[in-house]
Amino acid sequence: MQNDDLEQAVDIALEGAPRAERLAAMIETLRTRRAGLVRDLEATDDTVRQQEIRKQIAELDRQVDTLSEQQAVSHFVEMSVRAAAMRPEEIRAVYDEDE
């Protein structure tokens, strides 16, 4: 399978979901934002502001968890498509007959 065909097959299998690499970048962005909020939390003595920041941190943690799960699924799908494409033609034919 040619590279363009393989990439198209991955996109089809993901059904519009982002690729694992894109999700990793999104997770990193959220973690960077979280680190900034932690610094803000440590820098303020205002209890109301601290409470607001803690809520924001909790929301970012939730988003990171969700994106991490999505990343694992996307990675699995991507690797499955690539592994299937690398099987010798004779083996793919056997699997296709079983379906």
PDB file of N, CA and C in Angstrom:
ATOM      1  N   MET A   1       0.854  -1.178   0.000  1.00  0.00           N
ATOM      2  CA  MET A   1       0.000   0.000   0.000  1.00  0.00           C
ATOM      3  C   MET A   1       0.896   1.235   0.000  1.00  0.00           C
ATOM      4  N   GLN A   2       0.620   2.159  -0.877  1.00  0.00           N
ATOM      5  CA  GLN A   2       1.417   3.377  -0.982  1.00  0.00           C
ATOM      6  C   GLN A   2       1.141   4.285   0.216  1.00  0.00           C
ATOM      7  N   ASN A   3       2.086   5.171   0.492  1.00  0.00           N
ATOM      8  CA  ASN A   3       1.990   6.034   1.666  1.00  0.00           C
ATOM      9  C   ASN A   3       0.718   6.884   1.653  1.00  0.00           C
ATOM     10  N   ASP A   4       0.390   7.485   0.520  1.00  0.00           N
ATOM     11  CA  ASP A   4      -0.835   8.304   0.446  1.00  0.00           C
ATOM     12  C   ASP A   4      -2.077   7.464   0.707  1.00  0.00           C
ATOM     13  N   ASP A   5      -2.090   6.253   0.155  1.00  0.00           N
ATOM     14  CA  ASP A   5      -3.222   5.345   0.378  1.00  0.00           C
ATOM     15  C   ASP A   5      -3.301   4.939   1.844  1.00  0.00           C
ATOM     16  N   LEU A   6      -2.147   4.699   2.438  1.00  0.00           N
ATOM     17  CA  LEU A   6      -2.099   4.315   3.846  1.00  0.00           C
ATOM     18  C   LEU A   6      -2.625   5.448   4.726  1.00  0.00           C
ATOM     19  N   GLU A   7      -2.182   6.651   4.452  1.00  0.00           N
ATOM     20  CA  GLU A   7      -2.634   7.795   5.244  1.00  0.00           C
ATOM     21  C   GLU A   7      -4.142   8.009   5.082  1.00  0.00           C
ATOM     22  N   GLN A   8      -4.638   7.798   3.880  1.00  0.00           N
ATOM     23  CA  GLN A   8      -6.080   7.922   3.643  1.00  0.00           C
ATOM     24  C   GLN A   8      -6.834   6.827   4.398  1.00  0.00           C
ATOM     25  N   ALA A   9      -6.286   5.620   4.422  1.00  0.00           N
ATOM     26  CA  ALA A   9      -6.914   4.522   5.165  1.00  0.00           C
ATOM     27  C   ALA A   9      -6.955   4.825   6.663  1.00  0.00           C
ATOM     28  N   VAL A  10      -5.889   5.417   7.184  1.00  0.00           N
ATOM     29  CA  VAL A  10      -5.859   5.805   8.598  1.00  0.00           C
ATOM     30  C   VAL A  10      -6.953   6.834   8.865  1.00  0.00           C
ATOM     31  N   ASP A  11      -7.050   7.841   7.995  1.00  0.00           N
ATOM     32  CA  ASP A  11      -8.083   8.875   8.178  1.00  0.00           C
ATOM     33  C   ASP A  11      -9.484   8.275   8.155  1.00  0.00           C
ATOM     34  N   ILE A  12      -9.719   7.353   7.255  1.00  0.00           N
ATOM     35  CA  ILE A  12     -11.033   6.707   7.172  1.00  0.00           C
ATOM     36  C   ILE A  12     -11.312   5.922   8.452  1.00  0.00           C
ATOM     37  N   ALA A  13     -10.319   5.182   8.919  1.00  0.00           N
ATOM     38  CA  ALA A  13     -10.496   4.370  10.132  1.00  0.00           C
ATOM     39  C   ALA A  13     -10.743   5.241  11.361  1.00  0.00           C
ATOM     40  N   LEU A  14     -10.141   6.405  11.392  1.00  0.00           N
ATOM     41  CA  LEU A  14     -10.321   7.307  12.541  1.00  0.00           C
ATOM     42  C   LEU A  14     -11.685   8.001  12.515  1.00  0.00           C
ATOM     43  N   GLU A  15     -12.368   7.943  11.386  1.00  0.00           N
ATOM     44  CA  GLU A  15     -13.716   8.519  11.259  1.00  0.00           C
ATOM     45  C   GLU A  15     -13.772   9.976  11.707  1.00  0.00           C
ATOM     46  N   GLY A  16     -12.788  10.756  11.276  1.00  0.00           N
ATOM     47  CA  GLY A  16     -12.789  12.180  11.585  1.00  0.00           C
ATOM     48  C   GLY A  16     -12.143  12.556  12.906  1.00  0.00           C
ATOM     49  N   ALA A  17     -11.787  11.585  13.713  1.00  0.00           N
ATOM     50  CA  ALA A  17     -11.113  11.869  14.992  1.00  0.00           C
ATOM     51  C   ALA A  17      -9.685  12.327  14.701  1.00  0.00           C
ATOM     52  N   PRO A  18      -9.137  13.162  15.566  1.00  0.00           N
ATOM     53  CA  PRO A  18      -7.750  13.607  15.359  1.00  0.00           C
ATOM     54  C   PRO A  18      -6.767  12.448  15.505  1.00  0.00           C
ATOM     55  N   ARG A  19      -5.652  12.585  14.844  1.00  0.00           N
ATOM     56  CA  ARG A  19      -4.582  11.593  14.975  1.00  0.00           C
ATOM     57  C   ARG A  19      -3.914  11.732  16.341  1.00  0.00           C
ATOM     58  N   ALA A  20      -3.244  10.668  16.759  1.00  0.00           N
ATOM     59  CA  ALA A  20      -2.598  10.634  18.071  1.00  0.00           C
ATOM     60  C   ALA A  20      -1.583  11.764  18.231  1.00  0.00           C
ATOM     61  N   GLU A  21      -0.849  12.058  17.182  1.00  0.00           N
ATOM     62  CA  GLU A  21       0.164  13.120  17.241  1.00  0.00           C
ATOM     63  C   GLU A  21      -0.482  14.481  17.516  1.00  0.00           C
ATOM     64  N   ARG A  22      -1.599  14.750  16.875  1.00  0.00           N
ATOM     65  CA  ARG A  22      -2.328  16.011  17.084  1.00  0.00           C
ATOM     66  C   ARG A  22      -2.861  16.076  18.514  1.00  0.00           C
ATOM     67  N   LEU A  23      -3.384  14.969  18.999  1.00  0.00           N
ATOM     68  CA  LEU A  23      -3.885  14.928  20.378  1.00  0.00           C
ATOM     69  C   LEU A  23      -2.751  15.140  21.377  1.00  0.00           C
ATOM     70  N   ALA A  24      -1.573  14.598  21.089  1.00  0.00           N
ATOM     71  CA  ALA A  24      -0.419  14.797  21.977  1.00  0.00           C
ATOM     72  C   ALA A  24      -0.058  16.271  22.062  1.00  0.00           C
ATOM     73  N   ALA A  25      -0.127  16.969  20.935  1.00  0.00           N
ATOM     74  CA  ALA A  25       0.167  18.408  20.935  1.00  0.00           C
ATOM     75  C   ALA A  25      -0.879  19.165  21.745  1.00  0.00           C
ATOM     76  N   MET A  26      -2.127  18.762  21.622  1.00  0.00           N
ATOM     77  CA  MET A  26      -3.190  19.414  22.391  1.00  0.00           C
ATOM     78  C   MET A  26      -2.990  19.182  23.895  1.00  0.00           C
ATOM     79  N   ILE A  27      -2.613  17.973  24.253  1.00  0.00           N
ATOM     80  CA  ILE A  27      -2.362  17.635  25.656  1.00  0.00           C
ATOM     81  C   ILE A  27      -1.210  18.474  26.188  1.00  0.00           C
ATOM     82  N   GLU A  28      -0.157  18.599  25.410  1.00  0.00           N
ATOM     83  CA  GLU A  28       0.994  19.398  25.838  1.00  0.00           C
ATOM     84  C   GLU A  28       0.600  20.858  26.056  1.00  0.00           C
ATOM     85  N   THR A  29      -0.236  21.390  25.183  1.00  0.00           N
ATOM     86  CA  THR A  29      -0.710  22.766  25.341  1.00  0.00           C
ATOM     87  C   THR A  29      -1.489  22.925  26.645  1.00  0.00           C
ATOM     88  N   LEU A  30      -2.355  21.977  26.932  1.00  0.00           N
ATOM     89  CA  LEU A  30      -3.130  22.040  28.179  1.00  0.00           C
ATOM     90  C   LEU A  30      -2.220  21.920  29.403  1.00  0.00           C
ATOM     91  N   ARG A  31      -1.220  21.077  29.317  1.00  0.00           N
ATOM     92  CA  ARG A  31      -0.287  20.922  30.452  1.00  0.00           C
ATOM     93  C   ARG A  31       0.528  22.199  30.674  1.00  0.00           C
ATOM     94  N   THR A  32       0.887  22.866  29.589  1.00  0.00           N
ATOM     95  CA  THR A  32       1.600  24.139  29.708  1.00  0.00           C
ATOM     96  C   THR A  32       0.706  25.180  30.367  1.00  0.00           C
ATOM     97  N   ARG A  33      -0.544  25.228  29.928  1.00  0.00           N
ATOM     98  CA  ARG A  33      -1.508  26.154  30.521  1.00  0.00           C
ATOM     99  C   ARG A  33      -1.711  25.842  32.006  1.00  0.00           C
ATOM    100  N   ARG A  34      -1.773  24.546  32.337  1.00  0.00           N
ATOM    101  CA  ARG A  34      -1.948  24.132  33.730  1.00  0.00           C
ATOM    102  C   ARG A  34      -0.766  24.581  34.586  1.00  0.00           C
ATOM    103  N   ALA A  35       0.446  24.425  34.051  1.00  0.00           N
ATOM    104  CA  ALA A  35       1.642  24.846  34.797  1.00  0.00           C
ATOM    105  C   ALA A  35       1.596  26.342  35.084  1.00  0.00           C
ATOM    106  N   GLY A  36       1.117  27.118  34.121  1.00  0.00           N
ATOM    107  CA  GLY A  36       0.966  28.560  34.346  1.00  0.00           C
ATOM    108  C   GLY A  36      -0.046  28.862  35.431  1.00  0.00           C
ATOM    109  N   LEU A  37      -1.129  28.114  35.451  1.00  0.00           N
ATOM    110  CA  LEU A  37      -2.139  28.309  36.498  1.00  0.00           C
ATOM    111  C   LEU A  37      -1.603  27.924  37.869  1.00  0.00           C
ATOM    112  N   VAL A  38      -0.799  26.885  37.929  1.00  0.00           N
ATOM    113  CA  VAL A  38      -0.190  26.488  39.206  1.00  0.00           C
ATOM    114  C   VAL A  38       0.713  27.612  39.714  1.00  0.00           C
ATOM    115  N   ARG A  39       1.461  28.225  38.813  1.00  0.00           N
ATOM    116  CA  ARG A  39       2.303  29.361  39.213  1.00  0.00           C
ATOM    117  C   ARG A  39       1.437  30.518  39.714  1.00  0.00           C
ATOM    118  N   ASP A  40       0.326  30.786  39.010  1.00  0.00           N
ATOM    119  CA  ASP A  40      -0.594  31.839  39.448  1.00  0.00           C
ATOM    120  C   ASP A  40      -1.169  31.523  40.819  1.00  0.00           C
ATOM    121  N   LEU A  41      -1.500  30.266  41.033  1.00  0.00           N
ATOM    122  CA  LEU A  41      -2.060  29.833  42.316  1.00  0.00           C
ATOM    123  C   LEU A  41      -1.066  30.069  43.449  1.00  0.00           C
ATOM    124  N   GLU A  42       0.176  29.724  43.192  1.00  0.00           N
ATOM    125  CA  GLU A  42       1.214  29.893  44.212  1.00  0.00           C
ATOM    126  C   GLU A  42       1.529  31.363  44.467  1.00  0.00           C
ATOM    127  N   ALA A  43       1.263  32.209  43.483  1.00  0.00           N
ATOM    128  CA  ALA A  43       1.629  33.621  43.584  1.00  0.00           C
ATOM    129  C   ALA A  43       0.551  34.485  44.249  1.00  0.00           C
ATOM    130  N   THR A  44      -0.658  33.959  44.367  1.00  0.00           N
ATOM    131  CA  THR A  44      -1.730  34.791  44.907  1.00  0.00           C
ATOM    132  C   THR A  44      -2.104  34.386  46.331  1.00  0.00           C
ATOM    133  N   ASP A  45      -2.484  35.396  47.102  1.00  0.00           N
ATOM    134  CA  ASP A  45      -2.980  35.162  48.461  1.00  0.00           C
ATOM    135  C   ASP A  45      -4.489  35.326  48.520  1.00  0.00           C
ATOM    136  N   ASP A  46      -5.089  35.749  47.426  1.00  0.00           N
ATOM    137  CA  ASP A  46      -6.531  35.976  47.352  1.00  0.00           C
ATOM    138  C   ASP A  46      -7.247  34.620  47.310  1.00  0.00           C
ATOM    139  N   THR A  47      -7.996  34.313  48.357  1.00  0.00           N
ATOM    140  CA  THR A  47      -8.640  33.002  48.452  1.00  0.00           C
ATOM    141  C   THR A  47      -9.709  32.794  47.375  1.00  0.00           C
ATOM    142  N   VAL A  48     -10.395  33.865  47.001  1.00  0.00           N
ATOM    143  CA  VAL A  48     -11.394  33.746  45.936  1.00  0.00           C
ATOM    144  C   VAL A  48     -10.692  33.404  44.625  1.00  0.00           C
ATOM    145  N   ARG A  49      -9.619  34.098  44.337  1.00  0.00           N
ATOM    146  CA  ARG A  49      -8.849  33.834  43.114  1.00  0.00           C
ATOM    147  C   ARG A  49      -8.256  32.421  43.143  1.00  0.00           C
ATOM    148  N   GLN A  50      -7.784  31.989  44.321  1.00  0.00           N
ATOM    149  CA  GLN A  50      -7.239  30.635  44.443  1.00  0.00           C
ATOM    150  C   GLN A  50      -8.305  29.589  44.110  1.00  0.00           C
ATOM    151  N   GLN A  51      -9.508  29.820  44.582  1.00  0.00           N
ATOM    152  CA  GLN A  51     -10.602  28.891  44.309  1.00  0.00           C
ATOM    153  C   GLN A  51     -10.912  28.841  42.803  1.00  0.00           C
ATOM    154  N   GLU A  52     -10.925  30.006  42.165  1.00  0.00           N
ATOM    155  CA  GLU A  52     -11.166  30.060  40.716  1.00  0.00           C
ATOM    156  C   GLU A  52     -10.078  29.295  39.963  1.00  0.00           C
ATOM    157  N   ILE A  53      -8.839  29.507  40.375  1.00  0.00           N
ATOM    158  CA  ILE A  53      -7.710  28.843  39.711  1.00  0.00           C
ATOM    159  C   ILE A  53      -7.787  27.336  39.907  1.00  0.00           C
ATOM    160  N   ARG A  54      -8.137  26.898  41.111  1.00  0.00           N
ATOM    161  CA  ARG A  54      -8.257  25.456  41.367  1.00  0.00           C
ATOM    162  C   ARG A  54      -9.328  24.825  40.473  1.00  0.00           C
ATOM    163  N   LYS A  55     -10.418  25.536  40.259  1.00  0.00           N
ATOM    164  CA  LYS A  55     -11.468  25.035  39.367  1.00  0.00           C
ATOM    165  C   LYS A  55     -10.937  24.923  37.939  1.00  0.00           C
ATOM    166  N   GLN A  56     -10.181  25.917  37.506  1.00  0.00           N
ATOM    167  CA  GLN A  56      -9.604  25.886  36.161  1.00  0.00           C
ATOM    168  C   GLN A  56      -8.618  24.729  36.022  1.00  0.00           C
ATOM    169  N   ILE A  57      -7.821  24.507  37.050  1.00  0.00           N
ATOM    170  CA  ILE A  57      -6.857  23.400  37.032  1.00  0.00           C
ATOM    171  C   ILE A  57      -7.596  22.066  36.962  1.00  0.00           C
ATOM    172  N   ALA A  58      -8.653  21.930  37.741  1.00  0.00           N
ATOM    173  CA  ALA A  58      -9.431  20.689  37.730  1.00  0.00           C
ATOM    174  C   ALA A  58     -10.033  20.444  36.342  1.00  0.00           C
ATOM    175  N   GLU A  59     -10.519  21.496  35.708  1.00  0.00           N
ATOM    176  CA  GLU A  59     -11.089  21.365  34.364  1.00  0.00           C
ATOM    177  C   GLU A  59     -10.003  20.968  33.358  1.00  0.00           C
ATOM    178  N   LEU A  60      -8.838  21.563  33.464  1.00  0.00           N
ATOM    179  CA  LEU A  60      -7.737  21.183  32.571  1.00  0.00           C
ATOM    180  C   LEU A  60      -7.333  19.725  32.790  1.00  0.00           C
ATOM    181  N   ASP A  61      -7.307  19.300  34.045  1.00  0.00           N
ATOM    182  CA  ASP A  61      -6.981  17.898  34.344  1.00  0.00           C
ATOM    183  C   ASP A  61      -7.996  16.959  33.698  1.00  0.00           C
ATOM    184  N   ARG A  62      -9.260  17.326  33.750  1.00  0.00           N
ATOM    185  CA  ARG A  62     -10.311  16.520  33.139  1.00  0.00           C
ATOM    186  C   ARG A  62     -10.110  16.450  31.620  1.00  0.00           C
ATOM    187  N   GLN A  63      -9.792  17.590  31.029  1.00  0.00           N
ATOM    188  CA  GLN A  63      -9.575  17.640  29.582  1.00  0.00           C
ATOM    189  C   GLN A  63      -8.356  16.809  29.176  1.00  0.00           C
ATOM    190  N   VAL A  64      -7.298  16.890  29.964  1.00  0.00           N
ATOM    191  CA  VAL A  64      -6.095  16.099  29.673  1.00  0.00           C
ATOM    192  C   VAL A  64      -6.416  14.610  29.753  1.00  0.00           C
ATOM    193  N   ASP A  65      -7.178  14.202  30.767  1.00  0.00           N
ATOM    194  CA  ASP A  65      -7.555  12.796  30.889  1.00  0.00           C
ATOM    195  C   ASP A  65      -8.359  12.335  29.677  1.00  0.00           C
ATOM    196  N   THR A  66      -9.321  13.146  29.271  1.00  0.00           N
ATOM    197  CA  THR A  66     -10.160  12.800  28.121  1.00  0.00           C
ATOM    198  C   THR A  66      -9.331  12.700  26.850  1.00  0.00           C
ATOM    199  N   LEU A  67      -8.478  13.697  26.621  1.00  0.00           N
ATOM    200  CA  LEU A  67      -7.645  13.684  25.419  1.00  0.00           C
ATOM    201  C   LEU A  67      -6.640  12.528  25.444  1.00  0.00           C
ATOM    202  N   SER A  68      -6.160  12.171  26.621  1.00  0.00           N
ATOM    203  CA  SER A  68      -5.220  11.049  26.734  1.00  0.00           C
ATOM    204  C   SER A  68      -5.898   9.735  26.346  1.00  0.00           C
ATOM    205  N   GLU A  69      -7.149   9.580  26.752  1.00  0.00           N
ATOM    206  CA  GLU A  69      -7.903   8.390  26.357  1.00  0.00           C
ATOM    207  C   GLU A  69      -8.119   8.379  24.845  1.00  0.00           C
ATOM    208  N   GLN A  70      -8.490   9.525  24.296  1.00  0.00           N
ATOM    209  CA  GLN A  70      -8.688   9.619  22.852  1.00  0.00           C
ATOM    210  C   GLN A  70      -7.387   9.348  22.108  1.00  0.00           C
ATOM    211  N   GLN A  71      -6.289   9.834  22.659  1.00  0.00           N
ATOM    212  CA  GLN A  71      -4.986   9.614  22.036  1.00  0.00           C
ATOM    213  C   GLN A  71      -4.658   8.118  21.991  1.00  0.00           C
ATOM    214  N   ALA A  72      -4.935   7.412  23.067  1.00  0.00           N
ATOM    215  CA  ALA A  72      -4.663   5.974  23.102  1.00  0.00           C
ATOM    216  C   ALA A  72      -5.487   5.238  22.045  1.00  0.00           C
ATOM    217  N   VAL A  73      -6.745   5.618  21.908  1.00  0.00           N
ATOM    218  CA  VAL A  73      -7.608   4.983  20.908  1.00  0.00           C
ATOM    219  C   VAL A  73      -7.103   5.296  19.501  1.00  0.00           C
ATOM    220  N   SER A  74      -6.798   6.558  19.243  1.00  0.00           N
ATOM    221  CA  SER A  74      -6.301   6.948  17.919  1.00  0.00           C
ATOM    222  C   SER A  74      -5.000   6.231  17.590  1.00  0.00           C
ATOM    223  N   HIS A  75      -4.121   6.143  18.556  1.00  0.00           N
ATOM    224  CA  HIS A  75      -2.844   5.456  18.340  1.00  0.00           C
ATOM    225  C   HIS A  75      -3.093   3.980  17.989  1.00  0.00           C
ATOM    226  N   PHE A  76      -3.979   3.348  18.717  1.00  0.00           N
ATOM    227  CA  PHE A  76      -4.312   1.949  18.444  1.00  0.00           C
ATOM    228  C   PHE A  76      -4.858   1.778  17.027  1.00  0.00           C
ATOM    229  N   VAL A  77      -5.790   2.649  16.649  1.00  0.00           N
ATOM    230  CA  VAL A  77      -6.378   2.570  15.307  1.00  0.00           C
ATOM    231  C   VAL A  77      -5.305   2.786  14.248  1.00  0.00           C
ATOM    232  N   GLU A  78      -4.478   3.798  14.432  1.00  0.00           N
ATOM    233  CA  GLU A  78      -3.423   4.082  13.458  1.00  0.00           C
ATOM    234  C   GLU A  78      -2.474   2.896  13.307  1.00  0.00           C
ATOM    235  N   MET A  79      -2.057   2.324  14.433  1.00  0.00           N
ATOM    236  CA  MET A  79      -1.124   1.189  14.380  1.00  0.00           C
ATOM    237  C   MET A  79      -1.791  -0.046  13.777  1.00  0.00           C
ATOM    238  N   SER A  80      -3.073  -0.229  14.058  1.00  0.00           N
ATOM    239  CA  SER A  80      -3.793  -1.376  13.492  1.00  0.00           C
ATOM    240  C   SER A  80      -3.871  -1.278  11.971  1.00  0.00           C
ATOM    241  N   VAL A  81      -4.167  -0.100  11.472  1.00  0.00           N
ATOM    242  CA  VAL A  81      -4.242   0.094  10.023  1.00  0.00           C
ATOM    243  C   VAL A  81      -2.869  -0.127   9.398  1.00  0.00           C
ATOM    244  N   ARG A  82      -1.849   0.412  10.021  1.00  0.00           N
ATOM    245  CA  ARG A  82      -0.495   0.247   9.478  1.00  0.00           C
ATOM    246  C   ARG A  82      -0.063  -1.221   9.504  1.00  0.00           C
ATOM    247  N   ALA A  83      -0.385  -1.912  10.588  1.00  0.00           N
ATOM    248  CA  ALA A  83      -0.017  -3.326  10.693  1.00  0.00           C
ATOM    249  C   ALA A  83      -0.748  -4.149   9.635  1.00  0.00           C
ATOM    250  N   ALA A  84      -2.013  -3.860   9.427  1.00  0.00           N
ATOM    251  CA  ALA A  84      -2.778  -4.586   8.415  1.00  0.00           C
ATOM    252  C   ALA A  84      -2.208  -4.336   7.025  1.00  0.00           C
ATOM    253  N   ALA A  85      -1.776  -3.121   6.773  1.00  0.00           N
ATOM    254  CA  ALA A  85      -1.226  -2.777   5.460  1.00  0.00           C
ATOM    255  C   ALA A  85       0.123  -3.450   5.217  1.00  0.00           C
ATOM    256  N   MET A  86       0.832  -3.783   6.276  1.00  0.00           N
ATOM    257  CA  MET A  86       2.173  -4.373   6.130  1.00  0.00           C
ATOM    258  C   MET A  86       2.122  -5.895   6.006  1.00  0.00           C
ATOM    259  N   ARG A  87       0.949  -6.487   6.271  1.00  0.00           N
ATOM    260  CA  ARG A  87       0.837  -7.934   6.121  1.00  0.00           C
ATOM    261  C   ARG A  87       1.043  -8.320   4.662  1.00  0.00           C
ATOM    262  N   PRO A  88       1.690  -9.422   4.448  1.00  0.00           N
ATOM    263  CA  PRO A  88       1.818  -9.896   3.069  1.00  0.00           C
ATOM    264  C   PRO A  88       0.433 -10.125   2.452  1.00  0.00           C
ATOM    265  N   GLU A  89       0.344  -9.946   1.173  1.00  0.00           N
ATOM    266  CA  GLU A  89      -0.929 -10.064   0.447  1.00  0.00           C
ATOM    267  C   GLU A  89      -1.611 -11.403   0.696  1.00  0.00           C
ATOM    268  N   GLU A  90      -0.853 -12.484   0.778  1.00  0.00           N
ATOM    269  CA  GLU A  90      -1.430 -13.810   0.972  1.00  0.00           C
ATOM    270  C   GLU A  90      -2.158 -13.898   2.316  1.00  0.00           C
ATOM    271  N   ILE A  91      -1.586 -13.303   3.328  1.00  0.00           N
ATOM    272  CA  ILE A  91      -2.212 -13.333   4.659  1.00  0.00           C
ATOM    273  C   ILE A  91      -3.458 -12.460   4.677  1.00  0.00           C
ATOM    274  N   ARG A  92      -3.404 -11.295   4.040  1.00  0.00           N
ATOM    275  CA  ARG A  92      -4.585 -10.427   3.976  1.00  0.00           C
ATOM    276  C   ARG A  92      -5.724 -11.143   3.279  1.00  0.00           C
ATOM    277  N   ALA A  93      -5.422 -11.900   2.257  1.00  0.00           N
ATOM    278  CA  ALA A  93      -6.456 -12.633   1.527  1.00  0.00           C
ATOM    279  C   ALA A  93      -7.133 -13.656   2.431  1.00  0.00           C
ATOM    280  N   VAL A  94      -6.384 -14.324   3.290  1.00  0.00           N
ATOM    281  CA  VAL A  94      -6.957 -15.283   4.226  1.00  0.00           C
ATOM    282  C   VAL A  94      -7.895 -14.587   5.186  1.00  0.00           C
ATOM    283  N   TYR A  95      -7.475 -13.443   5.726  1.00  0.00           N
ATOM    284  CA  TYR A  95      -8.331 -12.697   6.654  1.00  0.00           C
ATOM    285  C   TYR A  95      -9.576 -12.196   5.949  1.00  0.00           C
ATOM    286  N   ASP A  96      -9.450 -11.740   4.734  1.00  0.00           N
ATOM    287  CA  ASP A  96     -10.600 -11.231   3.983  1.00  0.00           C
ATOM    288  C   ASP A  96     -11.617 -12.333   3.734  1.00  0.00           C
ATOM    289  N   GLU A  97     -11.150 -13.553   3.496  1.00  0.00           N
ATOM    290  CA  GLU A  97     -12.062 -14.680   3.267  1.00  0.00           C
ATOM    291  C   GLU A  97     -12.841 -15.029   4.522  1.00  0.00           C
ATOM    292  N   ASP A  98     -12.248 -14.816   5.690  1.00  0.00           N
ATOM    293  CA  ASP A  98     -12.898 -15.139   6.968  1.00  0.00           C
ATOM    294  C   ASP A  98     -14.034 -14.179   7.285  1.00  0.00           C
ATOM    295  N   GLU A  99     -14.025 -13.014   6.712  1.00  0.00           N
ATOM    296  CA  GLU A  99     -15.018 -11.985   7.061  1.00  0.00           C
ATOM    297  C   GLU A  99     -16.310 -12.179   6.371  1.00  0.00           C
TER     298      GLU A  99
END
